Amino acid sequence: YELDNTPVVEIYKKYLGRDIVDDLLFSSLDFPLIIKR
């Protein structure tokens, strides 16, 4: 839901652009989130 207390969709729009969110299933896979555990 949120990253840095900001709605996650707004984070994607801010850094990757609105088009990524509109075509989420395929476009966002190019920029996955990375967790270090």
PDB file of all heavy atoms in Angstrom:
ATOM      1  N   TYR A   1       0.815  -1.214   0.000  1.00  0.00           N
ATOM      2  CA  TYR A   1       0.000   0.000   0.000  1.00  0.00           C
ATOM      3  C   TYR A   1       0.853   1.270   0.000  1.00  0.00           C
ATOM      4  O   TYR A   1       0.561   2.223  -0.743  1.00  0.00           O
ATOM      5  CB  TYR A   1      -0.923   0.024   1.226  1.00  0.00           C
ATOM      6  CG  TYR A   1      -1.990  -1.036   1.204  1.00  0.00           C
ATOM      7  CD1 TYR A   1      -1.775  -2.285   1.790  1.00  0.00           C
ATOM      8  CD2 TYR A   1      -3.220  -0.797   0.608  1.00  0.00           C
ATOM      9  CE1 TYR A   1      -2.753  -3.264   1.778  1.00  0.00           C
ATOM     10  CE2 TYR A   1      -4.224  -1.772   0.590  1.00  0.00           C
ATOM     11  CZ  TYR A   1      -3.975  -3.004   1.172  1.00  0.00           C
ATOM     12  OH  TYR A   1      -4.956  -3.977   1.158  1.00  0.00           O
ATOM     13  N   GLU A   2       1.899   1.301   0.846  1.00  0.00           N
ATOM     14  CA  GLU A   2       2.659   2.540   1.000  1.00  0.00           C
ATOM     15  C   GLU A   2       4.162   2.273   1.091  1.00  0.00           C
ATOM     16  O   GLU A   2       4.599   1.286   1.686  1.00  0.00           O
ATOM     17  CB  GLU A   2       2.226   3.288   2.269  1.00  0.00           C
ATOM     18  CG  GLU A   2       0.807   3.830   2.232  1.00  0.00           C
ATOM     19  CD  GLU A   2       0.445   4.574   3.513  1.00  0.00           C
ATOM     20  OE1 GLU A   2       1.298   4.656   4.428  1.00  0.00           O
ATOM     21  OE2 GLU A   2      -0.690   5.075   3.607  1.00  0.00           O
ATOM     22  N   LEU A   3       4.918   3.185   0.495  1.00  0.00           N
ATOM     23  CA  LEU A   3       6.362   3.278   0.689  1.00  0.00           C
ATOM     24  C   LEU A   3       6.656   4.682   1.211  1.00  0.00           C
ATOM     25  O   LEU A   3       6.149   5.666   0.655  1.00  0.00           O
ATOM     26  CB  LEU A   3       7.111   3.054  -0.628  1.00  0.00           C
ATOM     27  CG  LEU A   3       7.052   1.657  -1.236  1.00  0.00           C
ATOM     28  CD1 LEU A   3       7.680   1.659  -2.630  1.00  0.00           C
ATOM     29  CD2 LEU A   3       7.774   0.649  -0.348  1.00  0.00           C
ATOM     30  N   ASP A   4       7.465   4.759   2.270  1.00  0.00           N
ATOM     31  CA  ASP A   4       7.771   6.071   2.876  1.00  0.00           C
ATOM     32  C   ASP A   4       6.497   6.856   3.186  1.00  0.00           C
ATOM     33  O   ASP A   4       6.409   8.074   2.963  1.00  0.00           O
ATOM     34  CB  ASP A   4       8.677   6.887   1.951  1.00  0.00           C
ATOM     35  CG  ASP A   4      10.089   6.340   1.886  1.00  0.00           C
ATOM     36  OD1 ASP A   4      10.455   5.550   2.763  1.00  0.00           O
ATOM     37  OD2 ASP A   4      10.825   6.696   0.949  1.00  0.00           O
ATOM     38  N   ASN A   5       5.470   6.132   3.665  1.00  0.00           N
ATOM     39  CA  ASN A   5       4.183   6.742   4.027  1.00  0.00           C
ATOM     40  C   ASN A   5       3.486   7.430   2.858  1.00  0.00           C
ATOM     41  O   ASN A   5       2.639   8.312   3.044  1.00  0.00           O
ATOM     42  CB  ASN A   5       4.379   7.744   5.178  1.00  0.00           C
ATOM     43  CG  ASN A   5       4.855   7.063   6.451  1.00  0.00           C
ATOM     44  OD1 ASN A   5       4.237   6.114   6.923  1.00  0.00           O
ATOM     45  ND2 ASN A   5       5.976   7.530   6.983  1.00  0.00           N
ATOM     46  N   THR A   6       3.828   7.029   1.650  1.00  0.00           N
ATOM     47  CA  THR A   6       3.218   7.568   0.424  1.00  0.00           C
ATOM     48  C   THR A   6       2.568   6.419  -0.336  1.00  0.00           C
ATOM     49  O   THR A   6       3.158   5.341  -0.438  1.00  0.00           O
ATOM     50  CB  THR A   6       4.290   8.235  -0.458  1.00  0.00           C
ATOM     51  OG1 THR A   6       4.928   9.267   0.287  1.00  0.00           O
ATOM     52  CG2 THR A   6       3.672   8.827  -1.711  1.00  0.00           C
ATOM     53  N   PRO A   7       1.349   6.623  -0.884  1.00  0.00           N
ATOM     54  CA  PRO A   7       0.729   5.542  -1.659  1.00  0.00           C
ATOM     55  C   PRO A   7       1.673   5.006  -2.723  1.00  0.00           C
ATOM     56  O   PRO A   7       2.321   5.773  -3.443  1.00  0.00           O
ATOM     57  CB  PRO A   7      -0.497   6.228  -2.279  1.00  0.00           C
ATOM     58  CG  PRO A   7      -0.845   7.306  -1.309  1.00  0.00           C
ATOM     59  CD  PRO A   7       0.473   7.806  -0.780  1.00  0.00           C
ATOM     60  N   VAL A   8       1.764   3.688  -2.813  1.00  0.00           N
ATOM     61  CA  VAL A   8       2.769   3.069  -3.673  1.00  0.00           C
ATOM     62  C   VAL A   8       2.573   3.445  -5.140  1.00  0.00           C
ATOM     63  O   VAL A   8       3.558   3.605  -5.888  1.00  0.00           O
ATOM     64  CB  VAL A   8       2.786   1.537  -3.478  1.00  0.00           C
ATOM     65  CG1 VAL A   8       1.484   0.907  -3.943  1.00  0.00           C
ATOM     66  CG2 VAL A   8       3.971   0.899  -4.198  1.00  0.00           C
ATOM     67  N   VAL A   9       1.322   3.623  -5.580  1.00  0.00           N
ATOM     68  CA  VAL A   9       1.080   4.011  -6.970  1.00  0.00           C
ATOM     69  C   VAL A   9       1.682   5.384  -7.251  1.00  0.00           C
ATOM     70  O   VAL A   9       2.233   5.624  -8.333  1.00  0.00           O
ATOM     71  CB  VAL A   9      -0.432   3.994  -7.282  1.00  0.00           C
ATOM     72  CG1 VAL A   9      -0.713   4.671  -8.615  1.00  0.00           C
ATOM     73  CG2 VAL A   9      -0.944   2.561  -7.326  1.00  0.00           C
ATOM     74  N   GLU A  10       1.617   6.284  -6.268  1.00  0.00           N
ATOM     75  CA  GLU A  10       2.222   7.617  -6.445  1.00  0.00           C
ATOM     76  C   GLU A  10       3.740   7.518  -6.541  1.00  0.00           C
ATOM     77  O   GLU A  10       4.373   8.282  -7.274  1.00  0.00           O
ATOM     78  CB  GLU A  10       1.811   8.540  -5.287  1.00  0.00           C
ATOM     79  CG  GLU A  10       0.316   8.824  -5.218  1.00  0.00           C
ATOM     80  CD  GLU A  10      -0.220   9.402  -6.518  1.00  0.00           C
ATOM     81  OE1 GLU A  10       0.441  10.305  -7.075  1.00  0.00           O
ATOM     82  OE2 GLU A  10      -1.283   8.933  -6.994  1.00  0.00           O
ATOM     83  N   ILE A  11       4.326   6.574  -5.796  1.00  0.00           N
ATOM     84  CA  ILE A  11       5.782   6.351  -5.883  1.00  0.00           C
ATOM     85  C   ILE A  11       6.152   5.890  -7.289  1.00  0.00           C
ATOM     86  O   ILE A  11       7.121   6.387  -7.897  1.00  0.00           O
ATOM     87  CB  ILE A  11       6.231   5.309  -4.837  1.00  0.00           C
ATOM     88  CG1 ILE A  11       6.074   5.853  -3.420  1.00  0.00           C
ATOM     89  CG2 ILE A  11       7.674   4.868  -5.109  1.00  0.00           C
ATOM     90  CD1 ILE A  11       7.074   6.907  -3.013  1.00  0.00           C
ATOM     91  N   TYR A  12       5.382   4.946  -7.833  1.00  0.00           N
ATOM     92  CA  TYR A  12       5.651   4.456  -9.192  1.00  0.00           C
ATOM     93  C   TYR A  12       5.494   5.570 -10.218  1.00  0.00           C
ATOM     94  O   TYR A  12       6.299   5.703 -11.146  1.00  0.00           O
ATOM     95  CB  TYR A  12       4.733   3.278  -9.526  1.00  0.00           C
ATOM     96  CG  TYR A  12       5.312   1.936  -9.147  1.00  0.00           C
ATOM     97  CD1 TYR A  12       5.438   1.570  -7.805  1.00  0.00           C
ATOM     98  CD2 TYR A  12       5.754   1.039 -10.103  1.00  0.00           C
ATOM     99  CE1 TYR A  12       5.972   0.354  -7.439  1.00  0.00           C
ATOM    100  CE2 TYR A  12       6.294  -0.190  -9.751  1.00  0.00           C
ATOM    101  CZ  TYR A  12       6.406  -0.531  -8.416  1.00  0.00           C
ATOM    102  OH  TYR A  12       6.961  -1.744  -8.052  1.00  0.00           O
ATOM    103  N   LYS A  13       4.451   6.373 -10.063  1.00  0.00           N
ATOM    104  CA  LYS A  13       4.245   7.486 -10.998  1.00  0.00           C
ATOM    105  C   LYS A  13       5.393   8.485 -10.919  1.00  0.00           C
ATOM    106  O   LYS A  13       5.874   8.986 -11.939  1.00  0.00           O
ATOM    107  CB  LYS A  13       2.919   8.187 -10.687  1.00  0.00           C
ATOM    108  CG  LYS A  13       1.678   7.402 -11.066  1.00  0.00           C
ATOM    109  CD  LYS A  13       0.414   8.180 -10.683  1.00  0.00           C
ATOM    110  CE  LYS A  13      -0.841   7.402 -11.025  1.00  0.00           C
ATOM    111  NZ  LYS A  13      -2.072   8.118 -10.584  1.00  0.00           N
ATOM    112  N   LYS A  14       5.839   8.767  -9.702  1.00  0.00           N
ATOM    113  CA  LYS A  14       6.892   9.767  -9.505  1.00  0.00           C
ATOM    114  C   LYS A  14       8.205   9.341 -10.150  1.00  0.00           C
ATOM    115  O   LYS A  14       8.864  10.139 -10.833  1.00  0.00           O
ATOM    116  CB  LYS A  14       7.102  10.019  -8.008  1.00  0.00           C
ATOM    117  CG  LYS A  14       8.226  11.007  -7.697  1.00  0.00           C
ATOM    118  CD  LYS A  14       8.368  11.209  -6.191  1.00  0.00           C
ATOM    119  CE  LYS A  14       9.516  12.167  -5.877  1.00  0.00           C
ATOM    120  NZ  LYS A  14       9.665  12.381  -4.408  1.00  0.00           N
ATOM    121  N   TYR A  15       8.599   8.087  -9.933  1.00  0.00           N
ATOM    122  CA  TYR A  15       9.932   7.654 -10.371  1.00  0.00           C
ATOM    123  C   TYR A  15       9.938   6.952 -11.734  1.00  0.00           C
ATOM    124  O   TYR A  15      10.959   6.962 -12.416  1.00  0.00           O
ATOM    125  CB  TYR A  15      10.558   6.734  -9.322  1.00  0.00           C
ATOM    126  CG  TYR A  15      10.912   7.463  -8.041  1.00  0.00           C
ATOM    127  CD1 TYR A  15      10.186   7.257  -6.883  1.00  0.00           C
ATOM    128  CD2 TYR A  15      11.962   8.374  -8.001  1.00  0.00           C
ATOM    129  CE1 TYR A  15      10.504   7.926  -5.700  1.00  0.00           C
ATOM    130  CE2 TYR A  15      12.282   9.054  -6.832  1.00  0.00           C
ATOM    131  CZ  TYR A  15      11.549   8.823  -5.690  1.00  0.00           C
ATOM    132  OH  TYR A  15      11.856   9.504  -4.538  1.00  0.00           O
ATOM    133  N   LEU A  16       8.814   6.325 -12.101  1.00  0.00           N
ATOM    134  CA  LEU A  16       8.789   5.553 -13.347  1.00  0.00           C
ATOM    135  C   LEU A  16       7.820   6.111 -14.381  1.00  0.00           C
ATOM    136  O   LEU A  16       7.866   5.700 -15.546  1.00  0.00           O
ATOM    137  CB  LEU A  16       8.432   4.086 -13.054  1.00  0.00           C
ATOM    138  CG  LEU A  16       9.366   3.341 -12.101  1.00  0.00           C
ATOM    139  CD1 LEU A  16       8.873   1.916 -11.893  1.00  0.00           C
ATOM    140  CD2 LEU A  16      10.799   3.338 -12.598  1.00  0.00           C
ATOM    141  N   GLY A  17       6.935   7.008 -13.976  1.00  0.00           N
ATOM    142  CA  GLY A  17       6.009   7.612 -14.925  1.00  0.00           C
ATOM    143  C   GLY A  17       4.652   6.950 -14.925  1.00  0.00           C
ATOM    144  O   GLY A  17       4.498   5.784 -14.561  1.00  0.00           O
ATOM    145  N   ARG A  18       3.640   7.694 -15.357  1.00  0.00           N
ATOM    146  CA  ARG A  18       2.262   7.215 -15.343  1.00  0.00           C
ATOM    147  C   ARG A  18       2.053   6.007 -16.256  1.00  0.00           C
ATOM    148  O   ARG A  18       1.256   5.119 -15.979  1.00  0.00           O
ATOM    149  CB  ARG A  18       1.331   8.362 -15.760  1.00  0.00           C
ATOM    150  CG  ARG A  18      -0.150   8.017 -15.670  1.00  0.00           C
ATOM    151  CD  ARG A  18      -0.996   9.231 -16.029  1.00  0.00           C
ATOM    152  NE  ARG A  18      -0.773  10.305 -15.094  1.00  0.00           N
ATOM    153  CZ  ARG A  18      -1.442  10.427 -13.947  1.00  0.00           C
ATOM    154  NH1 ARG A  18      -2.337   9.515 -13.614  1.00  0.00           N
ATOM    155  NH2 ARG A  18      -1.212  11.444 -13.143  1.00  0.00           N
ATOM    156  N   ASP A  19       2.768   5.941 -17.378  1.00  0.00           N
ATOM    157  CA  ASP A  19       2.576   4.849 -18.332  1.00  0.00           C
ATOM    158  C   ASP A  19       2.870   3.485 -17.712  1.00  0.00           C
ATOM    159  O   ASP A  19       2.243   2.479 -18.058  1.00  0.00           O
ATOM    160  CB  ASP A  19       3.456   5.042 -19.567  1.00  0.00           C
ATOM    161  CG  ASP A  19       3.003   6.225 -20.409  1.00  0.00           C
ATOM    162  OD1 ASP A  19       1.858   6.668 -20.220  1.00  0.00           O
ATOM    163  OD2 ASP A  19       3.798   6.694 -21.245  1.00  0.00           O
ATOM    164  N   ILE A  20       3.863   3.441 -16.813  1.00  0.00           N
ATOM    165  CA  ILE A  20       4.213   2.184 -16.155  1.00  0.00           C
ATOM    166  C   ILE A  20       3.027   1.661 -15.363  1.00  0.00           C
ATOM    167  O   ILE A  20       2.710   0.466 -15.389  1.00  0.00           O
ATOM    168  CB  ILE A  20       5.433   2.381 -15.228  1.00  0.00           C
ATOM    169  CG1 ILE A  20       6.702   2.621 -16.041  1.00  0.00           C
ATOM    170  CG2 ILE A  20       5.617   1.187 -14.296  1.00  0.00           C
ATOM    171  CD1 ILE A  20       7.239   1.401 -16.739  1.00  0.00           C
ATOM    172  N   VAL A  21       2.348   2.554 -14.642  1.00  0.00           N
ATOM    173  CA  VAL A  21       1.210   2.146 -13.818  1.00  0.00           C
ATOM    174  C   VAL A  21       0.037   1.722 -14.687  1.00  0.00           C
ATOM    175  O   VAL A  21      -0.663   0.746 -14.397  1.00  0.00           O
ATOM    176  CB  VAL A  21       0.797   3.289 -12.863  1.00  0.00           C
ATOM    177  CG1 VAL A  21      -0.439   2.893 -12.053  1.00  0.00           C
ATOM    178  CG2 VAL A  21       1.953   3.634 -11.929  1.00  0.00           C
ATOM    179  N   ASP A  22      -0.176   2.423 -15.804  1.00  0.00           N
ATOM    180  CA  ASP A  22      -1.293   2.092 -16.693  1.00  0.00           C
ATOM    181  C   ASP A  22      -1.112   0.735 -17.366  1.00  0.00           C
ATOM    182  O   ASP A  22      -2.085   0.058 -17.690  1.00  0.00           O
ATOM    183  CB  ASP A  22      -1.458   3.187 -17.762  1.00  0.00           C
ATOM    184  CG  ASP A  22      -1.910   4.509 -17.168  1.00  0.00           C
ATOM    185  OD1 ASP A  22      -2.443   4.491 -16.036  1.00  0.00           O
ATOM    186  OD2 ASP A  22      -1.715   5.556 -17.815  1.00  0.00           O
ATOM    187  N   ASP A  23       0.138   0.330 -17.596  1.00  0.00           N
ATOM    188  CA  ASP A  23       0.434  -0.957 -18.235  1.00  0.00           C
ATOM    189  C   ASP A  23       1.241  -1.814 -17.265  1.00  0.00           C
ATOM    190  O   ASP A  23       2.311  -2.324 -17.581  1.00  0.00           O
ATOM    191  CB  ASP A  23       1.215  -0.725 -19.533  1.00  0.00           C
ATOM    192  CG  ASP A  23       1.357  -2.007 -20.349  1.00  0.00           C
ATOM    193  OD1 ASP A  23       0.543  -2.936 -20.150  1.00  0.00           O
ATOM    194  OD2 ASP A  23       2.294  -2.080 -21.159  1.00  0.00           O
ATOM    195  N   LEU A  24       0.704  -1.972 -16.056  1.00  0.00           N
ATOM    196  CA  LEU A  24       1.469  -2.484 -14.928  1.00  0.00           C
ATOM    197  C   LEU A  24       2.009  -3.893 -15.126  1.00  0.00           C
ATOM    198  O   LEU A  24       3.176  -4.162 -14.854  1.00  0.00           O
ATOM    199  CB  LEU A  24       0.596  -2.443 -13.672  1.00  0.00           C
ATOM    200  CG  LEU A  24       1.320  -2.756 -12.361  1.00  0.00           C
ATOM    201  CD1 LEU A  24       2.233  -1.607 -11.994  1.00  0.00           C
ATOM    202  CD2 LEU A  24       0.319  -2.990 -11.249  1.00  0.00           C
ATOM    203  N   LEU A  25       1.178  -4.816 -15.586  1.00  0.00           N
ATOM    204  CA  LEU A  25       1.545  -6.225 -15.596  1.00  0.00           C
ATOM    205  C   LEU A  25       2.855  -6.483 -16.321  1.00  0.00           C
ATOM    206  O   LEU A  25       3.680  -7.266 -15.889  1.00  0.00           O
ATOM    207  CB  LEU A  25       0.429  -7.058 -16.239  1.00  0.00           C
ATOM    208  CG  LEU A  25       0.694  -8.568 -16.344  1.00  0.00           C
ATOM    209  CD1 LEU A  25       0.946  -9.155 -14.963  1.00  0.00           C
ATOM    210  CD2 LEU A  25      -0.476  -9.277 -17.009  1.00  0.00           C
ATOM    211  N   PHE A  26       3.070  -5.775 -17.443  1.00  0.00           N
ATOM    212  CA  PHE A  26       4.269  -6.037 -18.226  1.00  0.00           C
ATOM    213  C   PHE A  26       5.348  -4.971 -18.009  1.00  0.00           C
ATOM    214  O   PHE A  26       6.512  -5.286 -17.838  1.00  0.00           O
ATOM    215  CB  PHE A  26       3.903  -6.142 -19.713  1.00  0.00           C
ATOM    216  CG  PHE A  26       3.007  -7.302 -20.006  1.00  0.00           C
ATOM    217  CD1 PHE A  26       1.682  -7.105 -20.367  1.00  0.00           C
ATOM    218  CD2 PHE A  26       3.470  -8.596 -19.894  1.00  0.00           C
ATOM    219  CE1 PHE A  26       0.852  -8.179 -20.634  1.00  0.00           C
ATOM    220  CE2 PHE A  26       2.639  -9.684 -20.150  1.00  0.00           C
ATOM    221  CZ  PHE A  26       1.328  -9.475 -20.520  1.00  0.00           C
ATOM    222  N   SER A  27       4.954  -3.703 -17.986  1.00  0.00           N
ATOM    223  CA  SER A  27       5.953  -2.634 -17.924  1.00  0.00           C
ATOM    224  C   SER A  27       6.720  -2.619 -16.613  1.00  0.00           C
ATOM    225  O   SER A  27       7.940  -2.420 -16.595  1.00  0.00           O
ATOM    226  CB  SER A  27       5.270  -1.276 -18.135  1.00  0.00           C
ATOM    227  OG  SER A  27       4.644  -1.214 -19.395  1.00  0.00           O
ATOM    228  N   SER A  28       6.026  -2.810 -15.483  1.00  0.00           N
ATOM    229  CA  SER A  28       6.695  -2.673 -14.189  1.00  0.00           C
ATOM    230  C   SER A  28       7.680  -3.797 -13.919  1.00  0.00           C
ATOM    231  O   SER A  28       8.558  -3.670 -13.063  1.00  0.00           O
ATOM    232  CB  SER A  28       5.660  -2.618 -13.054  1.00  0.00           C
ATOM    233  OG  SER A  28       5.040  -3.878 -12.897  1.00  0.00           O
ATOM    234  N   LEU A  29       7.558  -4.929 -14.627  1.00  0.00           N
ATOM    235  CA  LEU A  29       8.497  -6.029 -14.419  1.00  0.00           C
ATOM    236  C   LEU A  29       9.920  -5.638 -14.799  1.00  0.00           C
ATOM    237  O   LEU A  29      10.882  -6.245 -14.320  1.00  0.00           O
ATOM    238  CB  LEU A  29       8.058  -7.252 -15.224  1.00  0.00           C
ATOM    239  CG  LEU A  29       6.798  -7.971 -14.730  1.00  0.00           C
ATOM    240  CD1 LEU A  29       6.437  -9.095 -15.673  1.00  0.00           C
ATOM    241  CD2 LEU A  29       6.977  -8.490 -13.309  1.00  0.00           C
ATOM    242  N   ASP A  30      10.058  -4.625 -15.662  1.00  0.00           N
ATOM    243  CA  ASP A  30      11.400  -4.158 -16.012  1.00  0.00           C
ATOM    244  C   ASP A  30      12.095  -3.476 -14.844  1.00  0.00           C
ATOM    245  O   ASP A  30      13.308  -3.320 -14.847  1.00  0.00           O
ATOM    246  CB  ASP A  30      11.317  -3.167 -17.182  1.00  0.00           C
ATOM    247  CG  ASP A  30      11.085  -3.868 -18.513  1.00  0.00           C
ATOM    248  OD1 ASP A  30      11.884  -4.765 -18.832  1.00  0.00           O
ATOM    249  OD2 ASP A  30      10.120  -3.522 -19.211  1.00  0.00           O
ATOM    250  N   PHE A  31      11.303  -3.038 -13.847  1.00  0.00           N
ATOM    251  CA  PHE A  31      11.850  -2.295 -12.716  1.00  0.00           C
ATOM    252  C   PHE A  31      11.330  -2.881 -11.401  1.00  0.00           C
ATOM    253  O   PHE A  31      10.610  -2.215 -10.654  1.00  0.00           O
ATOM    254  CB  PHE A  31      11.461  -0.813 -12.817  1.00  0.00           C
ATOM    255  CG  PHE A  31      11.889  -0.157 -14.088  1.00  0.00           C
ATOM    256  CD1 PHE A  31      11.006  -0.031 -15.155  1.00  0.00           C
ATOM    257  CD2 PHE A  31      13.182   0.330 -14.237  1.00  0.00           C
ATOM    258  CE1 PHE A  31      11.401   0.573 -16.337  1.00  0.00           C
ATOM    259  CE2 PHE A  31      13.581   0.930 -15.414  1.00  0.00           C
ATOM    260  CZ  PHE A  31      12.691   1.049 -16.472  1.00  0.00           C
ATOM    261  N   PRO A  32      11.685  -4.125 -11.098  1.00  0.00           N
ATOM    262  CA  PRO A  32      11.193  -4.718  -9.850  1.00  0.00           C
ATOM    263  C   PRO A  32      11.792  -4.027  -8.633  1.00  0.00           C
ATOM    264  O   PRO A  32      12.846  -3.382  -8.714  1.00  0.00           O
ATOM    265  CB  PRO A  32      11.674  -6.169  -9.947  1.00  0.00           C
ATOM    266  CG  PRO A  32      12.880  -6.113 -10.828  1.00  0.00           C
ATOM    267  CD  PRO A  32      12.581  -5.036 -11.832  1.00  0.00           C
ATOM    268  N   LEU A  33      11.099  -4.159  -7.507  1.00  0.00           N
ATOM    269  CA  LEU A  33      11.657  -3.696  -6.245  1.00  0.00           C
ATOM    270  C   LEU A  33      12.622  -4.744  -5.714  1.00  0.00           C
ATOM    271  O   LEU A  33      12.379  -5.947  -5.831  1.00  0.00           O
ATOM    272  CB  LEU A  33      10.539  -3.459  -5.225  1.00  0.00           C
ATOM    273  CG  LEU A  33       9.591  -2.304  -5.530  1.00  0.00           C
ATOM    274  CD1 LEU A  33       8.464  -2.256  -4.493  1.00  0.00           C
ATOM    275  CD2 LEU A  33      10.329  -0.968  -5.555  1.00  0.00           C
ATOM    276  N   ILE A  34      13.718  -4.276  -5.137  1.00  0.00           N
ATOM    277  CA  ILE A  34      14.732  -5.169  -4.582  1.00  0.00           C
ATOM    278  C   ILE A  34      14.757  -5.005  -3.066  1.00  0.00           C
ATOM    279  O   ILE A  34      14.839  -3.887  -2.549  1.00  0.00           O
ATOM    280  CB  ILE A  34      16.130  -4.841  -5.152  1.00  0.00           C
ATOM    281  CG1 ILE A  34      16.194  -5.151  -6.648  1.00  0.00           C
ATOM    282  CG2 ILE A  34      17.217  -5.607  -4.406  1.00  0.00           C
ATOM    283  CD1 ILE A  34      16.279  -6.614  -6.995  1.00  0.00           C
ATOM    284  N   ILE A  35      14.661  -6.130  -2.365  1.00  0.00           N
ATOM    285  CA  ILE A  35      14.818  -6.159  -0.912  1.00  0.00           C
ATOM    286  C   ILE A  35      16.142  -6.849  -0.611  1.00  0.00           C
ATOM    287  O   ILE A  35      16.472  -7.849  -1.244  1.00  0.00           O
ATOM    288  CB  ILE A  35      13.712  -6.987  -0.227  1.00  0.00           C
ATOM    289  CG1 ILE A  35      12.337  -6.669  -0.804  1.00  0.00           C
ATOM    290  CG2 ILE A  35      13.725  -6.788   1.281  1.00  0.00           C
ATOM    291  CD1 ILE A  35      11.282  -7.704  -0.426  1.00  0.00           C
ATOM    292  N   LYS A  36      16.877  -6.328   0.365  1.00  0.00           N
ATOM    293  CA  LYS A  36      18.091  -7.019   0.805  1.00  0.00           C
ATOM    294  C   LYS A  36      17.831  -7.624   2.171  1.00  0.00           C
ATOM    295  O   LYS A  36      17.595  -6.909   3.144  1.00  0.00           O
ATOM    296  CB  LYS A  36      19.287  -6.072   0.865  1.00  0.00           C
ATOM    297  CG  LYS A  36      20.596  -6.814   1.161  1.00  0.00           C
ATOM    298  CD  LYS A  36      21.806  -5.911   1.061  1.00  0.00           C
ATOM    299  CE  LYS A  36      23.094  -6.701   1.274  1.00  0.00           C
ATOM    300  NZ  LYS A  36      24.290  -5.845   1.193  1.00  0.00           N
ATOM    301  N   ARG A  37      17.831  -8.953   2.214  1.00  0.00           N
ATOM    302  CA  ARG A  37      17.667  -9.669   3.479  1.00  0.00           C
ATOM    303  C   ARG A  37      18.904 -10.506   3.713  1.00  0.00           C
ATOM    304  O   ARG A  37      19.220 -11.380   2.916  1.00  0.00           O
ATOM    305  CB  ARG A  37      16.412 -10.547   3.461  1.00  0.00           C
ATOM    306  CG  ARG A  37      15.121  -9.728   3.472  1.00  0.00           C
ATOM    307  CD  ARG A  37      13.898 -10.586   3.534  1.00  0.00           C
ATOM    308  NE  ARG A  37      12.692  -9.767   3.513  1.00  0.00           N
ATOM    309  CZ  ARG A  37      11.510 -10.187   3.092  1.00  0.00           C
ATOM    310  NH1 ARG A  37      11.387 -11.420   2.649  1.00  0.00           N
ATOM    311  NH2 ARG A  37      10.474  -9.382   3.105  1.00  0.00           N
TER     312      ARG A  37
END
